[in-house]
Amino acid sequence: MTILIIIYLLIFIIFALIAYAILQIKLFGMKVKDFWTFIEANQMLDKLYKFANQYENMSSQEQIIYLSEAEKIFNAFDKVPNELWEEEYDKYKKVLSKYQDIRMLRWDTKNRKESET
């Protein structure tokens, strides 16, 4: 009987902690979905950061994938307050810089092709 009471108590504590976390997220002015998207984007930021540091010349397909994933990250980070991702700012700037470089490179290549025709 005591084990059953302990199990019920632990389950109650777990649900109370989850409810408290959701309440804190909502009090911070965010939606839970946006916060979860931010967590996933933060993991992808680490991957793109490593990718941006390793590869100087990407194939056209790699560039498109990088741009697509970076845009998802930027959208997720825009939905949460800056205080949540201050520690990731350097990685964010590096990914943004690489994103801008690729966009400029693709824009320049597109303009060259159009001027040749």
Protein backbone atom coordinates (compact mmCIF):
# COMPACT_ATOMS: atom_id res chain seq x y z
CA MET A 1 0.00 0.00 0.00
CA THR A 2 2.85 2.41 0.76
CA ILE A 3 4.43 1.74 -2.62
CA LEU A 4 1.17 2.64 -4.33
CA ILE A 5 1.00 5.93 -2.41
CA ILE A 6 4.60 6.74 -3.34
CA ILE A 7 3.89 6.01 -7.02
CA TYR A 8 0.81 8.26 -6.97
CA LEU A 9 2.79 10.97 -5.22
CA LEU A 10 5.60 10.77 -7.81
CA ILE A 11 3.11 10.92 -10.69
CA PHE A 12 1.47 13.96 -9.09
CA ILE A 13 4.84 15.67 -8.67
CA ILE A 14 5.74 15.00 -12.31
CA PHE A 15 2.45 16.47 -13.55
CA ALA A 16 2.86 19.45 -11.22
CA LEU A 17 6.36 20.13 -12.59
CA ILE A 18 5.12 19.90 -16.18
CA ALA A 19 2.24 22.27 -15.40
CA TYR A 20 4.66 24.67 -13.69
CA ALA A 21 6.99 24.62 -16.72
CA ILE A 22 4.09 25.32 -19.08
CA LEU A 23 2.92 28.14 -16.81
CA GLN A 24 6.40 29.69 -16.81
CA ILE A 25 6.59 29.51 -20.61
CA LYS A 26 3.19 31.18 -20.94
CA LEU A 27 4.08 33.84 -18.37
CA PHE A 28 7.17 34.60 -20.42
CA GLY A 29 4.78 35.46 -23.28
CA MET A 30 5.48 32.45 -25.46
CA LYS A 31 3.54 29.54 -26.81
CA VAL A 32 4.64 26.06 -25.80
CA LYS A 33 4.87 25.08 -29.47
CA ASP A 34 7.20 28.01 -30.18
CA PHE A 35 9.38 27.01 -27.23
CA TRP A 36 9.58 23.42 -28.46
CA THR A 37 10.44 24.64 -31.97
CA PHE A 38 13.17 26.78 -30.42
CA ILE A 39 14.64 23.75 -28.64
CA GLU A 40 14.72 21.79 -31.91
CA ALA A 41 16.17 24.79 -33.76
CA ASN A 42 18.86 25.14 -31.13
CA GLN A 43 19.99 21.58 -31.84
CA MET A 44 20.03 22.30 -35.57
CA LEU A 45 21.99 25.51 -34.92
CA ASP A 46 24.82 23.42 -33.46
CA LYS A 47 24.89 21.24 -36.57
CA LEU A 48 24.83 24.18 -38.97
CA TYR A 49 27.52 25.94 -36.95
CA LYS A 50 29.84 22.95 -37.34
CA PHE A 51 28.92 22.72 -41.02
CA ALA A 52 29.62 26.44 -41.56
CA ASN A 53 33.04 26.08 -39.94
CA GLN A 54 34.06 23.00 -41.92
CA TYR A 55 32.94 23.75 -45.46
CA GLU A 56 34.04 26.78 -47.37
CA ASN A 57 32.85 25.64 -50.78
CA MET A 58 29.50 23.91 -50.84
CA SER A 59 27.82 22.32 -53.79
CA SER A 60 24.67 23.96 -55.08
CA GLN A 61 22.51 21.33 -53.41
CA GLU A 62 24.31 21.74 -50.07
CA GLN A 63 23.79 25.49 -50.30
CA ILE A 64 20.06 25.09 -50.82
CA ILE A 65 19.79 22.71 -47.86
CA TYR A 66 21.86 25.05 -45.69
CA LEU A 67 19.70 28.05 -46.64
CA SER A 68 16.50 26.15 -45.94
CA GLU A 69 17.62 24.89 -42.53
CA ALA A 70 19.04 28.28 -41.57
CA GLU A 71 15.74 30.00 -42.39
CA LYS A 72 13.91 27.55 -40.13
CA ILE A 73 16.33 28.38 -37.33
CA PHE A 74 15.96 32.12 -37.83
CA ASN A 75 12.16 31.83 -37.72
CA ALA A 76 12.26 29.78 -34.52
CA PHE A 77 14.70 32.14 -32.82
CA ASP A 78 12.59 35.16 -33.79
CA LYS A 79 9.63 33.75 -31.84
CA VAL A 80 11.42 33.56 -28.49
CA PRO A 81 12.87 36.35 -26.34
CA ASN A 82 16.55 37.13 -26.85
CA GLU A 83 17.35 36.31 -23.24
CA LEU A 84 16.80 32.61 -23.96
CA TRP A 85 19.50 32.38 -26.59
CA GLU A 86 22.15 34.88 -25.48
CA GLU A 87 24.62 32.04 -25.00
CA GLU A 88 24.11 30.87 -28.57
CA TYR A 89 24.56 34.33 -30.10
CA ASP A 90 28.06 33.66 -31.50
CA LYS A 91 26.89 30.48 -33.22
CA TYR A 92 23.81 32.31 -34.51
CA LYS A 93 25.97 35.11 -35.96
CA LYS A 94 28.32 32.60 -37.64
CA VAL A 95 25.40 30.72 -39.22
CA LEU A 96 23.82 34.04 -40.27
CA SER A 97 27.08 35.22 -41.80
CA LYS A 98 27.47 32.01 -43.81
CA TYR A 99 23.80 32.28 -44.81
CA GLN A 100 24.34 35.81 -46.10
CA ASP A 101 27.50 34.77 -47.97
CA ILE A 102 25.67 31.94 -49.71
CA ARG A 103 22.72 34.20 -50.59
CA MET A 104 25.08 36.79 -52.09
CA LEU A 105 27.00 34.13 -54.00
CA ARG A 106 23.79 32.64 -55.42
CA TRP A 107 22.43 36.11 -56.26
CA ASP A 108 25.68 37.03 -58.04
CA THR A 109 25.68 33.75 -59.99
CA LYS A 110 22.06 34.27 -61.00
CA ASN A 111 22.75 37.83 -62.20
CA ARG A 112 25.75 36.69 -64.24
CA LYS A 113 23.69 34.04 -65.98
CA GLU A 114 20.92 36.54 -66.75
CA SER A 115 23.37 39.11 -68.13
CA GLU A 116 24.97 36.49 -70.42
CA THR A 117 21.65 35.68 -72.07
